[in-house]
Amino acid sequence: MTICLSLIVLFTALNIMTFCVFWWDKAAARNGGWRIAESKLLSLAFFGGSLGAFAAQRLLRHKTRKEPFRTRLAAILILHAAVASVGLLALPWVLAGYVFHS
C-alpha cells in the first residue's frame, strides 16, 4: 500500500470515528447520559477528523448553536482546507523530485 493510500485510509477511519463520537454525544444529550467534553470533540476534529465533525454537526444537528464551539470547529475546518490546498499545490513538485531528493 502506498503512503498516499495509507493516509487516505487513516483519515477516512479517523473521520468516521469522529462522526460516531459526535453521534454518541448527541444520543447522550438526548437521553441525559454521560457527555463528551467539547475540548475532546474539538481535539478529534483538529487531529484529522474535521470533515467527520462537520458532517456530524450538520447531519445530526449537534452543537450547531453552541458558541464558541461552532466558530472553533469552523476555524479547524478552514485550517485543514488550507493545509490540504497547499499540499495539493506542492504535490507535482514533490512527485517530480524537486523538493525531496532520493
Protein backbone atom coordinates (compact mmCIF):
# COMPACT_ATOMS: atom_id res chain seq x y z
CA MET A 1 0.00 0.00 0.00
CA THR A 2 1.38 3.39 -0.93
CA ILE A 3 1.85 6.18 1.58
CA CYS A 4 -0.86 8.23 -0.13
CA LEU A 5 -3.38 5.39 0.06
CA SER A 6 -2.42 4.71 3.69
CA LEU A 7 -3.07 8.36 4.56
CA ILE A 8 -6.44 8.29 2.81
CA VAL A 9 -7.46 5.17 4.74
CA LEU A 10 -6.22 6.69 8.02
CA PHE A 11 -8.08 9.98 7.55
CA THR A 12 -11.25 8.18 6.40
CA ALA A 13 -11.18 5.98 9.51
CA LEU A 14 -10.49 8.98 11.75
CA ASN A 15 -13.38 10.94 10.27
CA ILE A 16 -15.77 8.01 10.61
CA MET A 17 -14.68 7.59 14.23
CA THR A 18 -15.15 11.32 14.88
CA PHE A 19 -18.64 11.21 13.35
CA CYS A 20 -19.51 8.27 15.61
CA VAL A 21 -18.23 10.06 18.71
CA PHE A 22 -20.40 13.09 17.84
CA TRP A 23 -23.33 10.71 17.31
CA TRP A 24 -22.69 9.14 20.72
CA ASP A 25 -22.56 12.58 22.36
CA LYS A 26 -25.81 13.59 20.63
CA ALA A 27 -27.51 10.43 21.93
CA ALA A 28 -26.19 11.15 25.44
CA ALA A 29 -27.52 14.71 25.21
CA ARG A 30 -30.98 13.42 24.31
CA ASN A 31 -31.00 10.71 26.99
CA GLY A 32 -29.33 12.65 29.80
CA GLY A 33 -26.32 10.34 29.74
CA TRP A 34 -22.59 10.85 30.14
CA ARG A 35 -21.36 13.56 27.77
CA ILE A 36 -18.08 14.04 25.95
CA ALA A 37 -16.22 17.27 26.72
CA GLU A 38 -16.24 19.88 23.97
CA SER A 39 -12.45 20.03 24.17
CA LYS A 40 -12.27 16.32 23.30
CA LEU A 41 -14.67 16.76 20.37
CA LEU A 42 -12.61 19.67 19.06
CA SER A 43 -9.38 17.70 19.56
CA LEU A 44 -10.75 14.89 17.41
CA ALA A 45 -11.59 17.45 14.74
CA PHE A 46 -8.19 19.16 15.00
CA PHE A 47 -6.19 15.94 14.70
CA GLY A 48 -7.76 15.00 11.38
CA GLY A 49 -11.46 14.41 11.97
CA SER A 50 -12.72 17.82 10.91
CA LEU A 51 -14.81 16.54 7.99
CA GLY A 52 -16.46 13.92 10.20
CA ALA A 53 -17.10 16.53 12.89
CA PHE A 54 -18.58 18.99 10.39
CA ALA A 55 -20.74 16.27 8.80
CA ALA A 56 -22.00 15.18 12.22
CA GLN A 57 -22.73 18.75 13.21
CA ARG A 58 -24.82 19.29 10.08
CA LEU A 59 -26.49 15.88 9.73
CA LEU A 60 -27.16 15.28 13.43
CA ARG A 61 -27.87 18.94 14.23
CA HIS A 62 -25.41 18.67 17.12
CA LYS A 63 -23.64 21.70 18.60
CA THR A 64 -24.98 23.98 15.85
CA ARG A 65 -25.86 26.87 18.18
CA LYS A 66 -23.10 26.36 20.72
CA GLU A 67 -20.54 29.18 20.72
CA PRO A 68 -17.53 29.28 20.70
CA PHE A 69 -17.62 25.58 19.70
CA ARG A 70 -19.17 26.33 16.31
CA THR A 71 -16.60 29.02 15.49
CA ARG A 72 -13.67 26.88 16.63
CA LEU A 73 -14.84 23.93 14.53
CA ALA A 74 -15.20 26.21 11.50
CA ALA A 75 -11.66 27.55 12.09
CA ILE A 76 -10.29 23.99 12.27
CA LEU A 77 -12.07 23.09 9.03
CA ILE A 78 -10.67 26.19 7.29
CA LEU A 79 -7.17 25.38 8.58
CA HIS A 80 -7.42 21.82 7.25
CA ALA A 81 -8.69 23.05 3.89
CA ALA A 82 -5.74 25.45 3.65
CA VAL A 83 -3.22 22.74 4.56
CA ALA A 84 -4.79 20.33 2.05
CA SER A 85 -4.70 23.01 -0.65
CA VAL A 86 -1.04 23.75 -0.06
CA GLY A 87 -0.33 20.01 -0.07
CA LEU A 88 -2.14 19.53 -3.37
CA LEU A 89 -0.36 22.51 -4.92
CA ALA A 90 3.02 21.16 -3.78
CA LEU A 91 2.31 17.59 -4.91
CA PRO A 92 3.57 17.97 -8.52
CA TRP A 93 6.93 19.27 -7.26
CA VAL A 94 7.21 16.54 -4.66
CA LEU A 95 6.43 13.86 -7.23
CA ALA A 96 8.90 15.37 -9.69
CA GLY A 97 11.63 15.21 -7.04
CA TYR A 98 12.21 18.96 -6.74
CA VAL A 99 11.51 19.11 -3.04
CA PHE A 100 12.89 15.80 -1.79
CA HIS A 101 15.87 14.17 -3.42
CA SER A 102 16.29 10.41 -3.16
